Amino acid sequence: MQIDKEIDTRGLNCPLPILKAKKALAELQSGQVLKVVSTDAGSLRDFQAFAKQTGNELLDQQTQGADFLHIFRRR
């Protein structure tokens, strides 16, 4: 999968990862892909709700060690 932009929100707690993802998605063109790396365990649930509210597609979520990865496609 081609990632067009990646942001690192490790060490930040809600709502900062969501706010940074929202800003990053706004900078992308429709159809481009954003990867967000977070250490906030609540981000799994938070980003699912974010995708539903904004209409951006949540393509994948993974846990790798202490990191939570979220992949979005810009609407």
N, C-alpha and C. Protein backbone atom coordinates (compact mmCIF):
# COMPACT_ATOMS: atom_id res chain seq x y z
N MET A 1 0.85 -1.18 0.00
CA MET A 1 0.00 0.00 0.00
C MET A 1 0.89 1.24 0.00
N GLN A 2 0.56 2.18 -0.85
CA GLN A 2 1.34 3.42 -0.91
C GLN A 2 0.84 4.40 0.15
N ILE A 3 1.74 4.85 0.99
CA ILE A 3 1.44 5.84 2.02
C ILE A 3 1.88 7.20 1.48
N ASP A 4 0.95 8.15 1.39
CA ASP A 4 1.29 9.48 0.87
C ASP A 4 1.85 10.39 1.95
N LYS A 5 1.43 10.17 3.20
CA LYS A 5 1.92 11.01 4.30
C LYS A 5 1.86 10.17 5.57
N GLU A 6 2.85 10.38 6.45
CA GLU A 6 2.86 9.69 7.73
C GLU A 6 3.08 10.72 8.83
N ILE A 7 2.31 10.58 9.91
CA ILE A 7 2.53 11.46 11.06
C ILE A 7 2.77 10.61 12.31
N ASP A 8 3.62 11.11 13.18
CA ASP A 8 3.99 10.42 14.41
C ASP A 8 3.36 11.17 15.58
N THR A 9 2.40 10.53 16.24
CA THR A 9 1.75 11.15 17.39
C THR A 9 2.08 10.40 18.68
N ARG A 10 3.22 9.68 18.67
CA ARG A 10 3.63 8.93 19.87
C ARG A 10 3.79 9.89 21.05
N GLY A 11 3.30 9.43 22.21
CA GLY A 11 3.42 10.23 23.42
C GLY A 11 2.29 11.23 23.61
N LEU A 12 1.44 11.38 22.62
CA LEU A 12 0.31 12.32 22.72
C LEU A 12 -0.96 11.56 23.08
N ASN A 13 -1.78 12.17 23.91
CA ASN A 13 -3.05 11.56 24.30
C ASN A 13 -4.20 12.30 23.65
N CYS A 14 -5.35 11.63 23.63
CA CYS A 14 -6.57 12.19 23.04
C CYS A 14 -6.82 13.58 23.64
N PRO A 15 -7.17 14.55 22.85
CA PRO A 15 -7.57 14.48 21.44
C PRO A 15 -6.45 14.84 20.45
N LEU A 16 -5.22 14.99 20.92
CA LEU A 16 -4.15 15.48 20.03
C LEU A 16 -3.89 14.59 18.81
N PRO A 17 -3.84 13.26 18.93
CA PRO A 17 -3.64 12.45 17.71
C PRO A 17 -4.74 12.69 16.66
N ILE A 18 -5.98 12.82 17.12
CA ILE A 18 -7.10 13.07 16.20
C ILE A 18 -6.94 14.43 15.53
N LEU A 19 -6.60 15.44 16.31
CA LEU A 19 -6.45 16.79 15.75
C LEU A 19 -5.33 16.84 14.72
N LYS A 20 -4.21 16.17 15.01
CA LYS A 20 -3.09 16.14 14.06
C LYS A 20 -3.47 15.36 12.80
N ALA A 21 -4.22 14.28 12.95
CA ALA A 21 -4.67 13.50 11.80
C ALA A 21 -5.63 14.32 10.95
N LYS A 22 -6.52 15.04 11.59
CA LYS A 22 -7.48 15.88 10.86
C LYS A 22 -6.75 16.92 10.02
N LYS A 23 -5.74 17.55 10.61
CA LYS A 23 -4.97 18.56 9.89
C LYS A 23 -4.21 17.93 8.72
N ALA A 24 -3.60 16.77 8.96
CA ALA A 24 -2.83 16.09 7.90
C ALA A 24 -3.74 15.66 6.76
N LEU A 25 -4.93 15.15 7.08
CA LEU A 25 -5.86 14.73 6.03
C LEU A 25 -6.32 15.93 5.19
N ALA A 26 -6.47 17.07 5.83
CA ALA A 26 -6.89 18.28 5.10
C ALA A 26 -5.85 18.71 4.07
N GLU A 27 -4.59 18.33 4.30
CA GLU A 27 -3.51 18.69 3.38
C GLU A 27 -3.39 17.71 2.21
N LEU A 28 -4.09 16.58 2.28
CA LEU A 28 -4.02 15.57 1.24
C LEU A 28 -5.13 15.77 0.21
N GLN A 29 -4.90 15.20 -0.98
CA GLN A 29 -5.92 15.19 -2.03
C GLN A 29 -6.83 13.99 -1.80
N SER A 30 -8.03 14.05 -2.35
CA SER A 30 -8.97 12.95 -2.25
C SER A 30 -8.33 11.66 -2.78
N GLY A 31 -8.46 10.59 -2.01
CA GLY A 31 -7.91 9.30 -2.41
C GLY A 31 -6.51 9.02 -1.88
N GLN A 32 -5.82 10.04 -1.38
CA GLN A 32 -4.47 9.83 -0.85
C GLN A 32 -4.56 9.15 0.52
N VAL A 33 -3.44 8.55 0.94
CA VAL A 33 -3.43 7.70 2.14
C VAL A 33 -2.53 8.31 3.22
N LEU A 34 -3.06 8.32 4.45
CA LEU A 34 -2.35 8.84 5.62
C LEU A 34 -2.13 7.71 6.61
N LYS A 35 -0.91 7.64 7.15
CA LYS A 35 -0.58 6.69 8.22
C LYS A 35 -0.33 7.48 9.49
N VAL A 36 -1.01 7.09 10.57
CA VAL A 36 -0.84 7.74 11.87
C VAL A 36 -0.26 6.71 12.83
N VAL A 37 0.85 7.06 13.49
CA VAL A 37 1.46 6.19 14.50
C VAL A 37 1.19 6.82 15.86
N SER A 38 0.62 6.02 16.77
CA SER A 38 0.24 6.53 18.09
C SER A 38 0.64 5.53 19.17
N THR A 39 0.78 6.02 20.40
CA THR A 39 1.01 5.14 21.55
C THR A 39 -0.18 5.15 22.49
N ASP A 40 -1.22 5.87 22.14
CA ASP A 40 -2.42 5.98 22.96
C ASP A 40 -3.34 4.79 22.66
N ALA A 41 -3.52 3.90 23.65
CA ALA A 41 -4.35 2.71 23.45
C ALA A 41 -5.79 3.08 23.07
N GLY A 42 -6.27 4.22 23.54
CA GLY A 42 -7.62 4.67 23.21
C GLY A 42 -7.75 5.09 21.76
N SER A 43 -6.63 5.24 21.07
CA SER A 43 -6.69 5.71 19.69
C SER A 43 -7.37 4.70 18.77
N LEU A 44 -7.34 3.41 19.10
CA LEU A 44 -8.01 2.42 18.26
C LEU A 44 -9.50 2.76 18.14
N ARG A 45 -10.13 2.96 19.26
CA ARG A 45 -11.56 3.31 19.30
C ARG A 45 -11.79 4.73 18.77
N ASP A 46 -10.92 5.65 19.17
CA ASP A 46 -11.09 7.05 18.77
C ASP A 46 -11.03 7.22 17.25
N PHE A 47 -10.09 6.54 16.59
CA PHE A 47 -9.96 6.70 15.15
C PHE A 47 -11.09 6.00 14.39
N GLN A 48 -11.67 4.96 14.97
CA GLN A 48 -12.84 4.34 14.34
C GLN A 48 -14.00 5.33 14.32
N ALA A 49 -14.22 6.01 15.44
CA ALA A 49 -15.28 7.01 15.53
C ALA A 49 -14.97 8.20 14.61
N PHE A 50 -13.72 8.60 14.57
CA PHE A 50 -13.29 9.71 13.72
C PHE A 50 -13.62 9.42 12.25
N ALA A 51 -13.32 8.20 11.81
CA ALA A 51 -13.59 7.82 10.42
C ALA A 51 -15.09 7.90 10.11
N LYS A 52 -15.91 7.42 11.01
CA LYS A 52 -17.36 7.46 10.80
C LYS A 52 -17.87 8.90 10.74
N GLN A 53 -17.35 9.75 11.59
CA GLN A 53 -17.81 11.14 11.67
C GLN A 53 -17.37 11.97 10.48
N THR A 54 -16.17 11.69 9.95
CA THR A 54 -15.61 12.54 8.90
C THR A 54 -15.81 11.99 7.49
N GLY A 55 -16.12 10.70 7.38
CA GLY A 55 -16.29 10.11 6.05
C GLY A 55 -14.99 9.66 5.41
N ASN A 56 -13.87 9.85 6.12
CA ASN A 56 -12.60 9.32 5.62
C ASN A 56 -12.56 7.82 5.91
N GLU A 57 -12.01 7.05 4.97
CA GLU A 57 -12.03 5.59 5.10
C GLU A 57 -10.89 5.09 5.96
N LEU A 58 -11.21 4.34 7.00
CA LEU A 58 -10.20 3.71 7.84
C LEU A 58 -9.84 2.37 7.18
N LEU A 59 -8.69 2.33 6.53
CA LEU A 59 -8.29 1.15 5.77
C LEU A 59 -7.76 0.03 6.64
N ASP A 60 -7.03 0.39 7.72
CA ASP A 60 -6.39 -0.64 8.53
C ASP A 60 -6.01 -0.06 9.89
N GLN A 61 -6.00 -0.93 10.88
CA GLN A 61 -5.46 -0.61 12.20
C GLN A 61 -4.63 -1.80 12.64
N GLN A 62 -3.43 -1.52 13.16
CA GLN A 62 -2.54 -2.58 13.61
C GLN A 62 -1.89 -2.17 14.92
N THR A 63 -1.51 -3.18 15.69
CA THR A 63 -0.71 -2.94 16.89
C THR A 63 0.65 -3.56 16.65
N GLN A 64 1.70 -2.75 16.80
CA GLN A 64 3.07 -3.24 16.65
C GLN A 64 3.85 -2.84 17.89
N GLY A 65 4.00 -3.77 18.81
CA GLY A 65 4.66 -3.46 20.08
C GLY A 65 3.82 -2.45 20.84
N ALA A 66 4.42 -1.31 21.19
CA ALA A 66 3.71 -0.26 21.92
C ALA A 66 3.02 0.73 20.98
N ASP A 67 3.19 0.53 19.67
CA ASP A 67 2.63 1.47 18.69
C ASP A 67 1.31 0.96 18.11
N PHE A 68 0.42 1.90 17.87
CA PHE A 68 -0.85 1.63 17.20
C PHE A 68 -0.81 2.36 15.86
N LEU A 69 -1.02 1.62 14.77
CA LEU A 69 -0.97 2.19 13.43
C LEU A 69 -2.37 2.30 12.86
N HIS A 70 -2.65 3.44 12.26
CA HIS A 70 -3.96 3.71 11.68
C HIS A 70 -3.73 4.22 10.25
N ILE A 71 -4.41 3.61 9.29
CA ILE A 71 -4.25 3.98 7.89
C ILE A 71 -5.59 4.50 7.38
N PHE A 72 -5.58 5.71 6.86
CA PHE A 72 -6.79 6.37 6.35
C PHE A 72 -6.65 6.70 4.87
N ARG A 73 -7.77 6.62 4.16
CA ARG A 73 -7.84 7.17 2.80
C ARG A 73 -8.72 8.41 2.85
N ARG A 74 -8.17 9.51 2.33
CA ARG A 74 -8.88 10.81 2.32
C ARG A 74 -10.12 10.70 1.44
N ARG A 75 -11.23 11.19 1.95
CA ARG A 75 -12.49 11.15 1.17
C ARG A 75 -12.46 12.12 0.03
